[in-house]
Amino acid sequence: DPKTPTAYSGDFLAIESFKKTGRLSFE
């Protein structure tokens, strides 16, 4: 979120897509 004032967004912005695949799983 561009409104989040964090210095650590770079790694997460490199992600193309995030998907929950279950209650306890994600890809």
PDB file of all heavy atoms in Angstrom:
ATOM      1  N   ASP A   1       0.854  -1.187   0.000  1.00  0.00           N
ATOM      2  CA  ASP A   1       0.000   0.000   0.000  1.00  0.00           C
ATOM      3  C   ASP A   1       0.899   1.249   0.000  1.00  0.00           C
ATOM      4  O   ASP A   1       1.706   1.428   0.912  1.00  0.00           O
ATOM      5  CB  ASP A   1      -0.893   0.008   1.242  1.00  0.00           C
ATOM      6  CG  ASP A   1      -1.920   1.138   1.234  1.00  0.00           C
ATOM      7  OD1 ASP A   1      -1.724   2.137   0.502  1.00  0.00           O
ATOM      8  OD2 ASP A   1      -2.911   1.033   1.971  1.00  0.00           O
ATOM      9  N   PRO A   2       0.774   2.118  -1.006  1.00  0.00           N
ATOM     10  CA  PRO A   2       1.642   3.304  -1.046  1.00  0.00           C
ATOM     11  C   PRO A   2       1.446   4.230   0.141  1.00  0.00           C
ATOM     12  O   PRO A   2       2.301   5.083   0.410  1.00  0.00           O
ATOM     13  CB  PRO A   2       1.248   3.985  -2.365  1.00  0.00           C
ATOM     14  CG  PRO A   2      -0.093   3.427  -2.717  1.00  0.00           C
ATOM     15  CD  PRO A   2      -0.131   2.040  -2.166  1.00  0.00           C
ATOM     16  N   LYS A   3       0.358   4.067   0.877  1.00  0.00           N
ATOM     17  CA  LYS A   3       0.123   4.902   2.055  1.00  0.00           C
ATOM     18  C   LYS A   3       0.869   4.393   3.285  1.00  0.00           C
ATOM     19  O   LYS A   3       0.920   5.095   4.298  1.00  0.00           O
ATOM     20  CB  LYS A   3      -1.383   4.964   2.351  1.00  0.00           C
ATOM     21  CG  LYS A   3      -2.211   5.622   1.246  1.00  0.00           C
ATOM     22  CD  LYS A   3      -3.689   5.619   1.619  1.00  0.00           C
ATOM     23  CE  LYS A   3      -4.527   6.224   0.501  1.00  0.00           C
ATOM     24  NZ  LYS A   3      -5.994   6.183   0.824  1.00  0.00           N
ATOM     25  N   THR A   4       1.415   3.194   3.202  1.00  0.00           N
ATOM     26  CA  THR A   4       2.144   2.643   4.340  1.00  0.00           C
ATOM     27  C   THR A   4       3.563   3.205   4.354  1.00  0.00           C
ATOM     28  O   THR A   4       4.334   2.961   3.424  1.00  0.00           O
ATOM     29  CB  THR A   4       2.199   1.107   4.263  1.00  0.00           C
ATOM     30  OG1 THR A   4       0.877   0.585   4.245  1.00  0.00           O
ATOM     31  CG2 THR A   4       2.944   0.538   5.471  1.00  0.00           C
ATOM     32  N   PRO A   5       3.939   3.948   5.378  1.00  0.00           N
ATOM     33  CA  PRO A   5       5.257   4.593   5.412  1.00  0.00           C
ATOM     34  C   PRO A   5       6.349   3.638   5.886  1.00  0.00           C
ATOM     35  O   PRO A   5       6.880   3.769   6.984  1.00  0.00           O
ATOM     36  CB  PRO A   5       5.044   5.735   6.409  1.00  0.00           C
ATOM     37  CG  PRO A   5       4.025   5.184   7.368  1.00  0.00           C
ATOM     38  CD  PRO A   5       3.121   4.290   6.557  1.00  0.00           C
ATOM     39  N   THR A   6       6.684   2.670   5.062  1.00  0.00           N
ATOM     40  CA  THR A   6       7.703   1.697   5.433  1.00  0.00           C
ATOM     41  C   THR A   6       8.871   1.751   4.465  1.00  0.00           C
ATOM     42  O   THR A   6       8.697   2.026   3.276  1.00  0.00           O
ATOM     43  CB  THR A   6       7.116   0.271   5.450  1.00  0.00           C
ATOM     44  OG1 THR A   6       8.163  -0.659   5.732  1.00  0.00           O
ATOM     45  CG2 THR A   6       6.490  -0.086   4.106  1.00  0.00           C
ATOM     46  N   ALA A   7      10.046   1.466   4.985  1.00  0.00           N
ATOM     47  CA  ALA A   7      11.245   1.406   4.142  1.00  0.00           C
ATOM     48  C   ALA A   7      11.422   0.027   3.523  1.00  0.00           C
ATOM     49  O   ALA A   7      12.349  -0.182   2.751  1.00  0.00           O
ATOM     50  CB  ALA A   7      12.475   1.754   4.981  1.00  0.00           C
ATOM     51  N   TYR A   8      10.534  -0.910   3.843  1.00  0.00           N
ATOM     52  CA  TYR A   8      10.744  -2.302   3.464  1.00  0.00           C
ATOM     53  C   TYR A   8       9.741  -2.834   2.452  1.00  0.00           C
ATOM     54  O   TYR A   8       9.512  -4.036   2.371  1.00  0.00           O
ATOM     55  CB  TYR A   8      10.708  -3.175   4.724  1.00  0.00           C
ATOM     56  CG  TYR A   8      11.693  -2.732   5.768  1.00  0.00           C
ATOM     57  CD1 TYR A   8      11.266  -2.274   7.013  1.00  0.00           C
ATOM     58  CD2 TYR A   8      13.050  -2.741   5.505  1.00  0.00           C
ATOM     59  CE1 TYR A   8      12.171  -1.849   7.964  1.00  0.00           C
ATOM     60  CE2 TYR A   8      13.970  -2.332   6.446  1.00  0.00           C
ATOM     61  CZ  TYR A   8      13.527  -1.887   7.681  1.00  0.00           C
ATOM     62  OH  TYR A   8      14.422  -1.471   8.608  1.00  0.00           O
ATOM     63  N   SER A   9       9.136  -1.955   1.673  1.00  0.00           N
ATOM     64  CA  SER A   9       8.132  -2.397   0.711  1.00  0.00           C
ATOM     65  C   SER A   9       8.746  -3.032  -0.532  1.00  0.00           C
ATOM     66  O   SER A   9       8.064  -3.761  -1.256  1.00  0.00           O
ATOM     67  CB  SER A   9       7.263  -1.210   0.294  1.00  0.00           C
ATOM     68  OG  SER A   9       8.048  -0.200  -0.323  1.00  0.00           O
ATOM     69  N   GLY A  10      10.022  -2.755  -0.808  1.00  0.00           N
ATOM     70  CA  GLY A  10      10.633  -3.180  -2.059  1.00  0.00           C
ATOM     71  C   GLY A  10      10.502  -4.662  -2.342  1.00  0.00           C
ATOM     72  O   GLY A  10      10.166  -5.074  -3.461  1.00  0.00           O
ATOM     73  N   ASP A  11      10.764  -5.504  -1.341  1.00  0.00           N
ATOM     74  CA  ASP A  11      10.676  -6.949  -1.546  1.00  0.00           C
ATOM     75  C   ASP A  11       9.258  -7.369  -1.921  1.00  0.00           C
ATOM     76  O   ASP A  11       9.055  -8.268  -2.744  1.00  0.00           O
ATOM     77  CB  ASP A  11      11.114  -7.692  -0.288  1.00  0.00           C
ATOM     78  CG  ASP A  11      12.622  -7.755  -0.151  1.00  0.00           C
ATOM     79  OD1 ASP A  11      13.316  -7.076  -0.935  1.00  0.00           O
ATOM     80  OD2 ASP A  11      13.111  -8.466   0.728  1.00  0.00           O
ATOM     81  N   PHE A  12       8.274  -6.756  -1.302  1.00  0.00           N
ATOM     82  CA  PHE A  12       6.886  -7.133  -1.545  1.00  0.00           C
ATOM     83  C   PHE A  12       6.397  -6.598  -2.889  1.00  0.00           C
ATOM     84  O   PHE A  12       5.573  -7.229  -3.547  1.00  0.00           O
ATOM     85  CB  PHE A  12       6.009  -6.635  -0.404  1.00  0.00           C
ATOM     86  CG  PHE A  12       6.315  -7.303   0.913  1.00  0.00           C
ATOM     87  CD1 PHE A  12       7.267  -6.782   1.774  1.00  0.00           C
ATOM     88  CD2 PHE A  12       5.660  -8.467   1.281  1.00  0.00           C
ATOM     89  CE1 PHE A  12       7.564  -7.399   2.977  1.00  0.00           C
ATOM     90  CE2 PHE A  12       5.946  -9.102   2.488  1.00  0.00           C
ATOM     91  CZ  PHE A  12       6.903  -8.569   3.338  1.00  0.00           C
ATOM     92  N   LEU A  13       6.911  -5.458  -3.296  1.00  0.00           N
ATOM     93  CA  LEU A  13       6.528  -4.904  -4.597  1.00  0.00           C
ATOM     94  C   LEU A  13       7.085  -5.730  -5.751  1.00  0.00           C
ATOM     95  O   LEU A  13       6.612  -5.623  -6.888  1.00  0.00           O
ATOM     96  CB  LEU A  13       7.010  -3.458  -4.703  1.00  0.00           C
ATOM     97  CG  LEU A  13       6.286  -2.455  -3.793  1.00  0.00           C
ATOM     98  CD1 LEU A  13       6.992  -1.106  -3.808  1.00  0.00           C
ATOM     99  CD2 LEU A  13       4.825  -2.303  -4.203  1.00  0.00           C
ATOM    100  N   ALA A  14       8.092  -6.556  -5.478  1.00  0.00           N
ATOM    101  CA  ALA A  14       8.640  -7.429  -6.514  1.00  0.00           C
ATOM    102  C   ALA A  14       7.715  -8.607  -6.823  1.00  0.00           C
ATOM    103  O   ALA A  14       7.922  -9.318  -7.812  1.00  0.00           O
ATOM    104  CB  ALA A  14      10.008  -7.951  -6.084  1.00  0.00           C
ATOM    105  N   ILE A  15       6.701  -8.808  -5.985  1.00  0.00           N
ATOM    106  CA  ILE A  15       5.775  -9.926  -6.161  1.00  0.00           C
ATOM    107  C   ILE A  15       4.769  -9.588  -7.260  1.00  0.00           C
ATOM    108  O   ILE A  15       4.169  -8.511  -7.252  1.00  0.00           O
ATOM    109  CB  ILE A  15       5.049 -10.227  -4.836  1.00  0.00           C
ATOM    110  CG1 ILE A  15       6.069 -10.695  -3.789  1.00  0.00           C
ATOM    111  CG2 ILE A  15       3.948 -11.252  -5.028  1.00  0.00           C
ATOM    112  CD1 ILE A  15       5.512 -10.762  -2.376  1.00  0.00           C
ATOM    113  N   GLU A  16       4.579 -10.509  -8.184  1.00  0.00           N
ATOM    114  CA  GLU A  16       3.603 -10.296  -9.258  1.00  0.00           C
ATOM    115  C   GLU A  16       2.182 -10.548  -8.769  1.00  0.00           C
ATOM    116  O   GLU A  16       1.264  -9.788  -9.077  1.00  0.00           O
ATOM    117  CB  GLU A  16       3.906 -11.215 -10.439  1.00  0.00           C
ATOM    118  CG  GLU A  16       2.973 -10.999 -11.627  1.00  0.00           C
ATOM    119  CD  GLU A  16       3.319 -11.899 -12.792  1.00  0.00           C
ATOM    120  OE1 GLU A  16       3.453 -13.129 -12.573  1.00  0.00           O
ATOM    121  OE2 GLU A  16       3.474 -11.382 -13.915  1.00  0.00           O
ATOM    122  N   SER A  17       1.988 -11.624  -7.987  1.00  0.00           N
ATOM    123  CA  SER A  17       0.648 -11.921  -7.472  1.00  0.00           C
ATOM    124  C   SER A  17       0.749 -12.715  -6.180  1.00  0.00           C
ATOM    125  O   SER A  17       1.688 -13.496  -5.986  1.00  0.00           O
ATOM    126  CB  SER A  17      -0.180 -12.689  -8.506  1.00  0.00           C
ATOM    127  OG  SER A  17       0.374 -13.969  -8.745  1.00  0.00           O
ATOM    128  N   PHE A  18      -0.218 -12.477  -5.311  1.00  0.00           N
ATOM    129  CA  PHE A  18      -0.350 -13.218  -4.056  1.00  0.00           C
ATOM    130  C   PHE A  18      -1.724 -13.861  -4.056  1.00  0.00           C
ATOM    131  O   PHE A  18      -2.731 -13.203  -4.353  1.00  0.00           O
ATOM    132  CB  PHE A  18      -0.194 -12.271  -2.860  1.00  0.00           C
ATOM    133  CG  PHE A  18      -0.369 -12.935  -1.517  1.00  0.00           C
ATOM    134  CD1 PHE A  18       0.734 -13.311  -0.772  1.00  0.00           C
ATOM    135  CD2 PHE A  18      -1.639 -13.204  -1.004  1.00  0.00           C
ATOM    136  CE1 PHE A  18       0.576 -13.933   0.460  1.00  0.00           C
ATOM    137  CE2 PHE A  18      -1.806 -13.828   0.221  1.00  0.00           C
ATOM    138  CZ  PHE A  18      -0.695 -14.193   0.954  1.00  0.00           C
ATOM    139  N   LYS A  19      -1.801 -15.129  -3.678  1.00  0.00           N
ATOM    140  CA  LYS A  19      -3.086 -15.827  -3.713  1.00  0.00           C
ATOM    141  C   LYS A  19      -3.213 -16.753  -2.510  1.00  0.00           C
ATOM    142  O   LYS A  19      -2.353 -17.586  -2.257  1.00  0.00           O
ATOM    143  CB  LYS A  19      -3.199 -16.636  -5.005  1.00  0.00           C
ATOM    144  CG  LYS A  19      -4.509 -17.417  -5.151  1.00  0.00           C
ATOM    145  CD  LYS A  19      -4.504 -18.231  -6.430  1.00  0.00           C
ATOM    146  CE  LYS A  19      -5.783 -19.048  -6.569  1.00  0.00           C
ATOM    147  NZ  LYS A  19      -5.753 -19.883  -7.804  1.00  0.00           N
ATOM    148  N   LYS A  20      -4.315 -16.586  -1.778  1.00  0.00           N
ATOM    149  CA  LYS A  20      -4.639 -17.559  -0.741  1.00  0.00           C
ATOM    150  C   LYS A  20      -5.187 -18.810  -1.422  1.00  0.00           C
ATOM    151  O   LYS A  20      -6.045 -18.726  -2.294  1.00  0.00           O
ATOM    152  CB  LYS A  20      -5.686 -17.001   0.219  1.00  0.00           C
ATOM    153  CG  LYS A  20      -5.179 -15.975   1.190  1.00  0.00           C
ATOM    154  CD  LYS A  20      -6.216 -15.650   2.263  1.00  0.00           C
ATOM    155  CE  LYS A  20      -7.512 -15.119   1.627  1.00  0.00           C
ATOM    156  NZ  LYS A  20      -8.531 -14.833   2.653  1.00  0.00           N
ATOM    157  N   THR A  21      -4.691 -19.952  -1.027  1.00  0.00           N
ATOM    158  CA  THR A  21      -5.170 -21.200  -1.616  1.00  0.00           C
ATOM    159  C   THR A  21      -5.906 -22.059  -0.591  1.00  0.00           C
ATOM    160  O   THR A  21      -6.301 -23.178  -0.885  1.00  0.00           O
ATOM    161  CB  THR A  21      -3.988 -21.995  -2.198  1.00  0.00           C
ATOM    162  OG1 THR A  21      -2.992 -22.194  -1.176  1.00  0.00           O
ATOM    163  CG2 THR A  21      -3.373 -21.248  -3.377  1.00  0.00           C
ATOM    164  N   GLY A  22      -6.079 -21.528   0.600  1.00  0.00           N
ATOM    165  CA  GLY A  22      -6.780 -22.229   1.666  1.00  0.00           C
ATOM    166  C   GLY A  22      -6.678 -21.430   2.933  1.00  0.00           C
ATOM    167  O   GLY A  22      -6.022 -20.384   2.990  1.00  0.00           O
ATOM    168  N   ARG A  23      -7.312 -21.924   3.985  1.00  0.00           N
ATOM    169  CA  ARG A  23      -7.283 -21.205   5.255  1.00  0.00           C
ATOM    170  C   ARG A  23      -5.867 -21.049   5.779  1.00  0.00           C
ATOM    171  O   ARG A  23      -5.535 -20.024   6.395  1.00  0.00           O
ATOM    172  CB  ARG A  23      -8.137 -21.959   6.276  1.00  0.00           C
ATOM    173  CG  ARG A  23      -8.147 -21.351   7.672  1.00  0.00           C
ATOM    174  CD  ARG A  23      -9.090 -22.083   8.607  1.00  0.00           C
ATOM    175  NE  ARG A  23      -8.919 -21.626   9.970  1.00  0.00           N
ATOM    176  CZ  ARG A  23      -8.029 -22.148  10.834  1.00  0.00           C
ATOM    177  NH1 ARG A  23      -7.226 -23.136  10.450  1.00  0.00           N
ATOM    178  NH2 ARG A  23      -7.932 -21.659  12.065  1.00  0.00           N
ATOM    179  N   LEU A  24      -5.016 -22.040   5.516  1.00  0.00           N
ATOM    180  CA  LEU A  24      -3.658 -22.018   6.039  1.00  0.00           C
ATOM    181  C   LEU A  24      -2.614 -22.092   4.917  1.00  0.00           C
ATOM    182  O   LEU A  24      -1.455 -22.426   5.179  1.00  0.00           O
ATOM    183  CB  LEU A  24      -3.452 -23.182   7.012  1.00  0.00           C
ATOM    184  CG  LEU A  24      -4.253 -23.139   8.310  1.00  0.00           C
ATOM    185  CD1 LEU A  24      -4.086 -24.434   9.087  1.00  0.00           C
ATOM    186  CD2 LEU A  24      -3.846 -21.954   9.179  1.00  0.00           C
ATOM    187  N   SER A  25      -3.000 -21.791   3.696  1.00  0.00           N
ATOM    188  CA  SER A  25      -2.046 -21.915   2.593  1.00  0.00           C
ATOM    189  C   SER A  25      -2.129 -20.715   1.667  1.00  0.00           C
ATOM    190  O   SER A  25      -3.177 -20.073   1.535  1.00  0.00           O
ATOM    191  CB  SER A  25      -2.293 -23.214   1.816  1.00  0.00           C
ATOM    192  OG  SER A  25      -3.601 -23.243   1.294  1.00  0.00           O
ATOM    193  N   PHE A  26      -1.006 -20.430   1.020  1.00  0.00           N
ATOM    194  CA  PHE A  26      -0.950 -19.326   0.059  1.00  0.00           C
ATOM    195  C   PHE A  26       0.196 -19.566  -0.905  1.00  0.00           C
ATOM    196  O   PHE A  26       1.102 -20.366  -0.628  1.00  0.00           O
ATOM    197  CB  PHE A  26      -0.796 -17.974   0.766  1.00  0.00           C
ATOM    198  CG  PHE A  26       0.488 -17.816   1.540  1.00  0.00           C
ATOM    199  CD1 PHE A  26       1.600 -17.192   0.978  1.00  0.00           C
ATOM    200  CD2 PHE A  26       0.591 -18.273   2.856  1.00  0.00           C
ATOM    201  CE1 PHE A  26       2.781 -17.026   1.691  1.00  0.00           C
ATOM    202  CE2 PHE A  26       1.771 -18.111   3.582  1.00  0.00           C
ATOM    203  CZ  PHE A  26       2.864 -17.487   2.995  1.00  0.00           C
ATOM    204  N   GLU A  27       0.126 -18.896  -2.032  1.00  0.00           N
ATOM    205  CA  GLU A  27       1.210 -18.976  -2.997  1.00  0.00           C
ATOM    206  C   GLU A  27       1.574 -17.586  -3.485  1.00  0.00           C
ATOM    207  O   GLU A  27       0.736 -16.685  -3.530  1.00  0.00           O
ATOM    208  CB  GLU A  27       0.862 -19.902  -4.163  1.00  0.00           C
ATOM    209  CG  GLU A  27      -0.270 -19.451  -5.040  1.00  0.00           C
ATOM    210  CD  GLU A  27      -0.547 -20.439  -6.179  1.00  0.00           C
ATOM    211  OE1 GLU A  27      -0.368 -21.662  -5.955  1.00  0.00           O
ATOM    212  OE2 GLU A  27      -0.918 -19.987  -7.267  1.00  0.00           O
TER     213      GLU A  27
END
